[in-house]
Amino acid sequence: MIDLKFLRENPDVVRASQRTRGEDPELVDQLLEADARRREAVSAADTARSEQKAMGKKVGQASAEERPALLEEATALKTKVKDAEETEKSADAQIAELQRAISNIVADAVPAGGEDDFVEIERVGEPRQFDFEPKDHLELGESLGLIDMERGAKVSGARFYFLTGYGALLQLGMLQLAAQKATANGFQLMIPPVLVRPEIMQGTGFLGAHSDEIYHLDADDLYLVGTSEVALAGYHQGEILDLASGAKRYCGWSSCFRREAGSHGKDTRGIIRVHQFDKVEMFTYTTPENAEAEHQALLGMEKEMLQALGIPFRVIDIAGGDLGSSAARKFDCEGWVPTQGTYRELTSTSNCTTFQARRLQVRYRDETGKTQMAATLNGTLATTRWLVAILENNQQADGSVKVPEALQPFVGKDVLEPVK
């Protein structure tokens, strides 16, 4: 959630951020009004309690004749205190609701607009020109014995699948390469829980406008994560971190689950948009002043991974209306998909500034010893969807697929051939 002190001092900045996101700037004024009401109620309650305390002394010192009138006044003061405390409680609840409704303040450089208003920053690698008609990833995956969508649907329903044989090895190799890269760069590898409590899911900002994307287990009141970012953000909930020697960096390897609500008819073929996938996710706790540099570092690692696998890609700066409530800025790396003739999202890295940490009460001590809110960042280092780009970009005219050199030690082959 946003910092109330910052909002009081910079309401125009928050209003502008809301407009950049395409969200309601009037929420800022509603929150300011609720904040003013609470502060008035706190002052009124303090005054009433002080008067009540003074009245108690008077009653104790009063004569028998004076006491009935003073007791009547004391009763009125008691009611006054109760009313002020109720007003304060009501204002607190409204403030909490409005703070949750206002998204993180976007960075100055973030473009305004929605999903199609991103700004392209760079392109890396040239899309391959084929001298034959390329097959899509599902046709390749089925002919090579790597993907079984039909039995996935039989077992679990639409948008589920089996990765079989070398398909499983290809994914495991990709994720293992990502894990090795992360640990070599100072990230602690974690296999986190994939079920989290409501306060953790709420704290990361995923129970807002897109809560219908999340699987909820009603009987246990637990949520299945759509990214290990959620569990890693909750890892230090309520703690004061030691960031004096640098950022705390974690790398989560987990299965992820998304309902894909509202995506009916979109990317129904293959494994581009599915309900379950595996992912290696970077997550960092750092100081707010170092967050921007850390964001660039995460992006750099994502680019290195894609280059290691030989996937042509572009980097885009996501527009405000497509950021998600927690992110102040987000960069996506989109890989080239030959049969679609376009780039598709393969990685995302977000700078969430202090938004998540404030909700989850994750702090650190500054140089003076004072506690401050930490900044959190996240970034994808590999995920199942990458198989789409790997298969399509490395296919050969005979239907085989070359295994990227970086993955050959994990897969055990340099070429995957059609299954007879």
Protein backbone atom coordinates (compact mmCIF):
# COMPACT_ATOMS: atom_id res chain seq x y z
CA MET A 1 0.00 0.00 0.00
CA ILE A 2 1.08 3.58 -0.48
CA ASP A 3 2.64 5.69 2.26
CA LEU A 4 0.01 7.96 3.88
CA LYS A 5 2.64 10.57 4.75
CA PHE A 6 3.75 10.69 1.12
CA LEU A 7 0.13 10.99 -0.02
CA ARG A 8 -0.55 13.90 2.36
CA GLU A 9 2.52 15.75 1.12
CA ASN A 10 2.25 14.82 -2.58
CA PRO A 11 -1.41 14.26 -3.48
CA ASP A 12 -0.93 15.52 -7.05
CA VAL A 13 1.77 12.91 -7.66
CA VAL A 14 -0.58 10.12 -6.56
CA ARG A 15 -3.44 11.54 -8.64
CA ALA A 16 -1.17 11.66 -11.70
CA SER A 17 -0.11 8.06 -11.05
CA GLN A 18 -3.74 6.96 -10.92
CA ARG A 19 -4.42 8.70 -14.25
CA THR A 20 -1.35 7.08 -15.84
CA ARG A 21 -2.75 3.71 -14.78
CA GLY A 22 -6.22 4.56 -16.05
CA GLU A 23 -7.54 4.32 -12.49
CA ASP A 24 -9.69 6.65 -10.38
CA PRO A 25 -7.80 9.74 -9.08
CA GLU A 26 -10.75 10.61 -6.82
CA LEU A 27 -9.70 7.79 -4.51
CA VAL A 28 -6.85 10.06 -3.44
CA ASP A 29 -9.27 12.72 -2.17
CA GLN A 30 -11.43 10.11 -0.49
CA LEU A 31 -8.39 8.76 1.34
CA LEU A 32 -7.29 12.25 2.37
CA GLU A 33 -10.79 12.95 3.74
CA ALA A 34 -10.82 9.66 5.66
CA ASP A 35 -7.36 10.42 7.02
CA ALA A 36 -8.53 13.87 8.19
CA ARG A 37 -11.59 12.32 9.87
CA ARG A 38 -9.45 9.80 11.68
CA ARG A 39 -7.02 12.44 12.89
CA GLU A 40 -9.93 14.56 14.15
CA ALA A 41 -11.41 11.49 15.85
CA VAL A 42 -8.07 10.63 17.47
CA SER A 43 -7.77 14.19 18.76
CA ALA A 44 -11.38 14.17 20.01
CA ALA A 45 -10.90 10.81 21.72
CA ASP A 46 -7.69 11.97 23.39
CA THR A 47 -9.40 15.14 24.62
CA ALA A 48 -12.42 13.22 25.88
CA ARG A 49 -10.23 10.69 27.71
CA SER A 50 -8.28 13.52 29.31
CA GLU A 51 -11.52 15.17 30.43
CA GLN A 52 -12.78 11.81 31.68
CA LYS A 53 -9.63 11.30 33.73
CA ALA A 54 -9.92 14.79 35.22
CA MET A 55 -13.57 14.16 35.99
CA GLY A 56 -12.67 10.95 37.80
CA LYS A 57 -10.43 12.94 40.14
CA LYS A 58 -13.20 15.48 40.72
CA VAL A 59 -15.66 12.74 41.56
CA GLY A 60 -13.21 11.23 44.00
CA GLN A 61 -12.74 14.57 45.76
CA ALA A 62 -16.37 15.73 45.58
CA SER A 63 -18.77 16.06 48.47
CA ALA A 64 -21.89 13.93 48.70
CA GLU A 65 -23.98 16.83 47.41
CA GLU A 66 -21.73 17.46 44.36
CA ARG A 67 -21.22 13.84 43.41
CA PRO A 68 -24.55 13.04 41.58
CA ALA A 69 -24.09 15.92 39.12
CA LEU A 70 -20.46 15.04 38.54
CA LEU A 71 -21.32 11.37 37.98
CA GLU A 72 -23.85 12.44 35.36
CA GLU A 73 -21.14 14.47 33.62
CA ALA A 74 -18.78 11.50 33.87
CA THR A 75 -21.37 9.27 32.17
CA ALA A 76 -21.74 11.80 29.36
CA LEU A 77 -17.96 11.92 28.94
CA LYS A 78 -17.82 8.12 28.82
CA THR A 79 -20.33 8.18 25.96
CA LYS A 80 -18.31 10.92 24.26
CA VAL A 81 -15.13 8.81 24.48
CA LYS A 82 -16.93 5.76 23.12
CA ASP A 83 -18.40 7.72 20.20
CA ALA A 84 -14.97 9.20 19.33
CA GLU A 85 -13.36 5.77 19.45
CA GLU A 86 -16.07 4.33 17.19
CA THR A 87 -15.51 7.18 14.72
CA GLU A 88 -11.77 6.49 14.85
CA LYS A 89 -12.34 2.77 14.28
CA SER A 90 -14.65 3.45 11.34
CA ALA A 91 -12.14 5.86 9.79
CA ASP A 92 -9.35 3.30 10.27
CA ALA A 93 -11.36 0.69 8.38
CA GLN A 94 -12.12 3.13 5.55
CA ILE A 95 -8.48 4.17 5.32
CA ALA A 96 -7.35 0.53 5.13
CA GLU A 97 -9.88 -0.16 2.37
CA LEU A 98 -8.89 2.92 0.35
CA GLN A 99 -5.17 2.27 0.79
CA ARG A 100 -5.69 -1.22 -0.64
CA ALA A 101 -7.66 0.28 -3.55
CA ILE A 102 -4.91 2.69 -4.62
CA SER A 103 -2.17 1.05 -6.66
CA ASN A 104 1.54 1.70 -6.29
CA ILE A 105 2.82 5.04 -7.56
CA VAL A 106 4.24 4.59 -11.04
CA ALA A 107 7.79 5.65 -11.82
CA ASP A 108 8.22 8.92 -13.71
CA ALA A 109 9.36 7.20 -16.93
CA VAL A 110 6.41 4.81 -17.18
CA PRO A 111 4.34 5.40 -20.34
CA ALA A 112 0.63 6.08 -19.94
CA GLY A 113 -1.97 3.80 -21.50
CA GLY A 114 -2.90 0.14 -21.57
CA GLU A 115 -1.65 -3.21 -22.84
CA ASP A 116 -0.75 -1.93 -26.33
CA ASP A 117 0.95 1.29 -25.21
CA PHE A 118 4.30 -0.18 -24.13
CA VAL A 119 7.57 1.37 -25.29
CA GLU A 120 10.06 -0.91 -27.03
CA ILE A 121 13.56 -0.43 -25.57
CA GLU A 122 15.70 -2.85 -27.58
CA ARG A 123 15.80 -5.96 -29.73
CA VAL A 124 18.34 -8.74 -29.25
CA GLY A 125 18.94 -11.35 -31.96
CA GLU A 126 17.42 -11.60 -35.40
CA PRO A 127 14.25 -13.60 -36.07
CA ARG A 128 15.14 -16.62 -38.14
CA GLN A 129 14.14 -16.79 -41.81
CA PHE A 130 12.96 -20.31 -42.69
CA ASP A 131 13.35 -21.92 -46.12
CA PHE A 132 10.55 -24.32 -45.21
CA GLU A 133 7.11 -24.00 -43.60
CA PRO A 134 7.76 -23.96 -39.82
CA LYS A 135 5.58 -26.00 -37.48
CA ASP A 136 4.13 -24.58 -34.30
CA HIS A 137 5.35 -25.72 -30.90
CA LEU A 138 2.45 -28.13 -30.29
CA GLU A 139 2.86 -29.95 -33.61
CA LEU A 140 6.58 -30.22 -32.89
CA GLY A 141 6.00 -31.25 -29.28
CA GLU A 142 3.60 -34.01 -30.25
CA SER A 143 5.68 -35.36 -33.14
CA LEU A 144 8.81 -35.39 -30.96
CA GLY A 145 7.03 -37.03 -28.02
CA LEU A 146 7.53 -34.01 -25.75
CA ILE A 147 4.00 -32.74 -25.04
CA ASP A 148 0.72 -34.62 -24.53
CA MET A 149 -2.22 -32.21 -24.42
CA GLU A 150 -4.89 -34.82 -25.15
CA ARG A 151 -4.15 -36.90 -22.07
CA GLY A 152 -3.60 -33.76 -20.01
CA ALA A 153 -7.16 -32.73 -20.84
CA LYS A 154 -8.42 -36.25 -20.13
CA VAL A 155 -6.85 -36.23 -16.67
CA SER A 156 -7.35 -32.61 -15.60
CA GLY A 157 -9.37 -30.70 -18.21
CA ALA A 158 -8.63 -28.01 -20.78
CA ARG A 159 -5.27 -26.21 -20.64
CA PHE A 160 -3.51 -29.00 -18.77
CA TYR A 161 -0.78 -31.15 -20.32
CA PHE A 162 1.92 -33.72 -19.75
CA LEU A 163 5.55 -32.97 -20.53
CA THR A 164 6.89 -36.36 -21.57
CA GLY A 165 10.33 -37.84 -22.09
CA TYR A 166 12.76 -35.30 -23.44
CA GLY A 167 10.09 -32.61 -23.03
CA ALA A 168 10.37 -33.05 -19.26
CA LEU A 169 14.19 -33.10 -19.49
CA LEU A 170 14.15 -29.96 -21.63
CA GLN A 171 12.13 -28.08 -19.02
CA LEU A 172 14.14 -29.42 -16.09
CA GLY A 173 17.36 -28.47 -17.86
CA MET A 174 16.13 -24.95 -18.52
CA LEU A 175 15.06 -24.48 -14.90
CA GLN A 176 18.30 -26.01 -13.62
CA LEU A 177 20.32 -23.62 -15.80
CA ALA A 178 18.31 -20.72 -14.35
CA ALA A 179 18.88 -21.97 -10.80
CA GLN A 180 22.62 -22.26 -11.43
CA LYS A 181 22.75 -18.76 -12.87
CA ALA A 182 20.84 -17.34 -9.91
CA THR A 183 23.02 -18.99 -7.29
CA ALA A 184 26.17 -17.88 -9.13
CA ASN A 185 24.87 -14.33 -8.82
CA GLY A 186 24.30 -14.49 -5.06
CA PHE A 187 20.67 -15.66 -4.95
CA GLN A 188 19.68 -18.25 -2.36
CA LEU A 189 17.75 -21.06 -4.05
CA MET A 190 14.38 -21.81 -2.42
CA ILE A 191 11.63 -24.36 -3.03
CA PRO A 192 8.73 -22.49 -1.37
CA PRO A 193 5.19 -23.55 -0.45
CA VAL A 194 2.70 -23.17 -3.28
CA LEU A 195 -0.22 -22.69 -0.86
CA VAL A 196 -0.32 -19.41 1.08
CA ARG A 197 -2.57 -17.71 3.60
CA PRO A 198 -4.93 -14.87 2.57
CA GLU A 199 -2.86 -12.18 4.32
CA ILE A 200 0.21 -13.15 2.27
CA MET A 201 -1.70 -13.13 -1.01
CA GLN A 202 -3.31 -9.81 -0.02
CA GLY A 203 0.04 -8.40 1.04
CA THR A 204 1.60 -8.94 -2.36
CA GLY A 205 -1.29 -7.17 -4.10
CA PHE A 206 -2.82 -10.15 -5.92
CA LEU A 207 -6.29 -10.01 -4.34
CA GLY A 208 -7.37 -6.86 -6.13
CA ALA A 209 -8.78 -6.50 -9.63
CA HIS A 210 -7.33 -9.84 -10.79
CA SER A 211 -8.30 -12.02 -7.83
CA ASP A 212 -10.44 -14.15 -10.15
CA GLU A 213 -7.17 -15.45 -11.63
CA ILE A 214 -6.28 -17.21 -8.37
CA TYR A 215 -7.29 -20.69 -7.22
CA HIS A 216 -8.74 -20.65 -3.69
CA LEU A 217 -9.20 -23.70 -1.48
CA ASP A 218 -12.34 -22.77 0.46
CA ALA A 219 -12.12 -25.58 3.00
CA ASP A 220 -8.64 -24.50 4.11
CA ASP A 221 -8.79 -20.77 3.23
CA LEU A 222 -5.53 -21.08 1.33
CA TYR A 223 -4.53 -19.82 -2.12
CA LEU A 224 -2.48 -21.54 -4.80
CA VAL A 225 0.27 -19.18 -5.95
CA GLY A 226 0.53 -17.95 -9.52
CA THR A 227 4.20 -17.17 -8.89
CA SER A 228 6.67 -17.96 -6.10
CA GLU A 229 6.99 -14.19 -5.68
CA VAL A 230 4.02 -14.48 -3.30
CA ALA A 231 5.64 -16.93 -0.89
CA LEU A 232 9.03 -15.20 -1.09
CA ALA A 233 7.43 -11.82 -0.33
CA GLY A 234 5.83 -13.34 2.76
CA TYR A 235 9.05 -15.07 3.85
CA HIS A 236 10.16 -12.09 5.94
CA GLN A 237 6.69 -10.82 6.92
CA GLY A 238 6.86 -8.76 10.12
CA GLU A 239 10.67 -8.87 10.27
CA ILE A 240 13.41 -6.24 10.42
CA LEU A 241 16.10 -7.16 7.89
CA ASP A 242 19.81 -6.50 7.99
CA LEU A 243 20.57 -4.89 4.62
CA ALA A 244 23.80 -3.22 5.74
CA SER A 245 25.89 -5.61 3.67
CA GLY A 246 23.58 -5.54 0.65
CA ALA A 247 20.29 -6.84 -0.69
CA LYS A 248 18.71 -10.15 0.29
CA ARG A 249 18.24 -12.16 -2.90
CA TYR A 250 16.17 -15.32 -3.24
CA CYS A 251 15.36 -17.57 -6.17
CA GLY A 252 12.15 -19.60 -5.96
CA TRP A 253 11.61 -22.80 -7.98
CA SER A 254 7.97 -23.85 -7.92
CA SER A 255 4.91 -24.94 -9.79
CA CYS A 256 2.48 -22.08 -10.38
CA PHE A 257 -1.28 -22.06 -10.92
CA ARG A 258 -3.55 -19.59 -12.72
CA ARG A 259 -7.22 -19.88 -13.52
CA GLU A 260 -6.83 -17.80 -16.71
CA ALA A 261 -10.26 -16.30 -16.08
CA GLY A 262 -11.46 -14.08 -18.90
CA SER A 263 -9.04 -15.61 -21.42
CA HIS A 264 -11.54 -17.91 -23.13
CA GLY A 265 -10.64 -18.32 -26.79
CA LYS A 266 -7.14 -16.83 -26.32
CA ASP A 267 -4.06 -19.02 -26.81
CA THR A 268 -6.04 -22.22 -26.34
CA ARG A 269 -3.62 -24.19 -28.51
CA GLY A 270 -0.55 -25.60 -26.85
CA ILE A 271 1.20 -24.44 -23.68
CA ILE A 272 1.28 -20.66 -24.06
CA ARG A 273 -1.59 -19.99 -21.65
CA VAL A 274 -2.15 -22.88 -19.24
CA HIS A 275 -3.41 -23.47 -15.70
CA GLN A 276 -0.22 -25.02 -14.31
CA PHE A 277 3.42 -24.38 -15.15
CA ASP A 278 6.84 -24.36 -13.53
CA LYS A 279 8.96 -21.27 -12.99
CA VAL A 280 12.21 -20.03 -11.48
CA GLU A 281 11.55 -16.57 -10.01
CA MET A 282 14.06 -14.09 -8.61
CA PHE A 283 13.00 -12.02 -5.59
CA THR A 284 14.96 -9.24 -3.89
CA TYR A 285 14.65 -7.20 -0.71
CA THR A 286 16.71 -4.02 -0.84
CA THR A 287 16.69 -0.36 0.20
CA PRO A 288 14.46 2.04 -1.78
CA GLU A 289 17.46 4.02 -3.05
CA ASN A 290 19.02 0.85 -4.52
CA ALA A 291 15.82 -0.53 -6.03
CA GLU A 292 16.22 0.99 -9.49
CA ALA A 293 19.74 -0.40 -9.91
CA GLU A 294 18.55 -3.79 -8.67
CA HIS A 295 15.74 -3.69 -11.23
CA GLN A 296 18.26 -3.23 -14.03
CA ALA A 297 20.34 -6.09 -12.62
CA LEU A 298 17.35 -8.46 -12.68
CA LEU A 299 16.56 -7.43 -16.25
CA GLY A 300 20.19 -8.05 -17.19
CA MET A 301 20.04 -11.60 -15.83
CA GLU A 302 16.84 -12.32 -17.77
CA LYS A 303 18.46 -11.09 -20.98
CA GLU A 304 21.54 -13.24 -20.38
CA MET A 305 19.38 -16.35 -19.91
CA LEU A 306 17.47 -15.74 -23.15
CA GLN A 307 20.71 -15.11 -25.03
CA ALA A 308 22.20 -18.31 -23.59
CA LEU A 309 19.28 -20.22 -25.14
CA GLY A 310 19.56 -18.36 -28.45
CA ILE A 311 16.02 -16.94 -28.37
CA PRO A 312 15.55 -13.67 -30.33
CA PHE A 313 13.72 -11.22 -28.07
CA ARG A 314 12.80 -7.62 -27.41
CA VAL A 315 12.60 -5.65 -24.16
CA ILE A 316 9.56 -3.46 -23.53
CA ASP A 317 8.67 -0.88 -20.89
CA ILE A 318 5.12 -1.70 -19.75
CA ALA A 319 2.52 1.09 -19.74
CA GLY A 320 0.85 2.20 -16.52
CA GLY A 321 -2.51 0.61 -17.22
CA ASP A 322 -0.90 -2.83 -17.65
CA LEU A 323 1.44 -2.79 -14.65
CA GLY A 324 -0.49 -4.59 -11.95
CA SER A 325 -1.23 -2.89 -8.65
CA SER A 326 2.10 -3.61 -6.92
CA ALA A 327 4.56 -2.57 -9.61
CA ALA A 328 5.93 0.94 -9.99
CA ARG A 329 7.69 -0.12 -13.19
CA LYS A 330 7.88 -3.34 -15.17
CA PHE A 331 10.03 -4.56 -18.04
CA ASP A 332 9.05 -7.58 -20.13
CA CYS A 333 11.29 -9.65 -22.39
CA GLU A 334 9.24 -11.01 -25.26
CA GLY A 335 10.58 -13.95 -27.29
CA TRP A 336 10.06 -14.37 -31.02
CA VAL A 337 7.48 -17.03 -31.96
CA PRO A 338 7.98 -17.80 -35.67
CA THR A 339 4.58 -19.36 -36.44
CA GLN A 340 2.80 -16.37 -34.91
CA GLY A 341 5.13 -13.84 -36.52
CA THR A 342 5.31 -11.85 -33.30
CA TYR A 343 6.98 -11.52 -29.92
CA ARG A 344 5.35 -13.10 -26.86
CA GLU A 345 6.06 -12.47 -23.17
CA LEU A 346 8.67 -14.79 -21.68
CA THR A 347 9.87 -12.79 -18.68
CA SER A 348 8.69 -9.98 -16.45
CA THR A 349 10.63 -8.01 -13.87
CA SER A 350 8.93 -5.51 -11.57
CA ASN A 351 10.12 -2.89 -9.11
CA CYS A 352 7.45 -2.84 -6.40
CA THR A 353 9.26 -0.17 -4.32
CA THR A 354 7.90 -0.25 -0.74
CA PHE A 355 4.33 -1.19 -1.73
CA GLN A 356 4.43 -4.89 -0.78
CA ALA A 357 6.77 -4.42 2.19
CA ARG A 358 4.43 -1.85 3.74
CA ARG A 359 1.54 -4.31 3.56
CA LEU A 360 3.65 -7.15 4.94
CA GLN A 361 5.60 -4.98 7.42
CA VAL A 362 9.05 -5.89 6.15
CA ARG A 363 11.55 -3.28 7.35
CA TYR A 364 15.28 -2.65 7.69
CA ARG A 365 17.43 -0.35 9.82
CA ASP A 366 19.04 2.61 8.10
CA GLU A 367 22.46 4.07 9.00
CA THR A 368 20.96 5.93 11.97
CA GLY A 369 19.33 2.77 13.34
CA LYS A 370 15.83 3.92 12.42
CA THR A 371 13.51 1.35 10.84
CA GLN A 372 12.40 1.99 7.25
CA MET A 373 10.25 0.07 4.77
CA ALA A 374 12.21 -2.22 2.45
CA ALA A 375 11.76 -2.30 -1.32
CA THR A 376 10.89 -5.55 -3.12
CA LEU A 377 11.56 -6.63 -6.70
CA ASN A 378 10.87 -9.76 -8.71
CA GLY A 379 11.84 -11.23 -12.06
CA THR A 380 11.29 -14.40 -14.11
CA LEU A 381 14.44 -16.37 -14.93
CA ALA A 382 12.82 -19.32 -16.72
CA THR A 383 9.35 -20.78 -17.14
CA THR A 384 7.46 -23.46 -19.08
CA ARG A 385 6.34 -21.02 -21.81
CA TRP A 386 9.97 -20.72 -22.94
CA LEU A 387 9.62 -24.20 -24.49
CA VAL A 388 7.40 -22.61 -27.14
CA ALA A 389 10.20 -20.32 -28.34
CA ILE A 390 12.91 -22.97 -27.94
CA LEU A 391 11.09 -25.53 -30.07
CA GLU A 392 9.91 -23.18 -32.81
CA ASN A 393 13.17 -21.28 -33.24
CA ASN A 394 15.35 -24.43 -33.31
CA GLN A 395 13.30 -26.65 -35.63
CA GLN A 396 14.76 -28.20 -38.77
CA ALA A 397 13.23 -29.04 -42.14
CA ASP A 398 13.09 -32.77 -41.28
CA GLY A 399 10.92 -32.10 -38.22
CA SER A 400 13.74 -32.42 -35.71
CA VAL A 401 14.72 -29.74 -33.17
CA LYS A 402 18.23 -28.75 -32.20
CA VAL A 403 18.73 -28.56 -28.43
CA PRO A 404 20.33 -25.23 -27.41
CA GLU A 405 23.96 -25.87 -26.52
CA ALA A 406 23.45 -24.61 -22.95
CA LEU A 407 20.77 -27.27 -22.37
CA GLN A 408 22.49 -30.25 -24.00
CA PRO A 409 24.25 -31.41 -20.79
CA PHE A 410 20.87 -31.59 -19.03
CA VAL A 411 18.92 -33.17 -21.89
CA GLY A 412 21.62 -35.64 -22.97
CA LYS A 413 21.08 -35.05 -26.70
CA ASP A 414 21.91 -32.31 -29.18
CA VAL A 415 19.01 -33.06 -31.53
CA LEU A 416 15.47 -34.24 -30.74
CA GLU A 417 14.00 -36.34 -33.55
CA PRO A 418 10.41 -37.31 -34.37
CA VAL A 419 9.15 -40.37 -32.53
CA LYS A 420 8.33 -43.26 -34.86
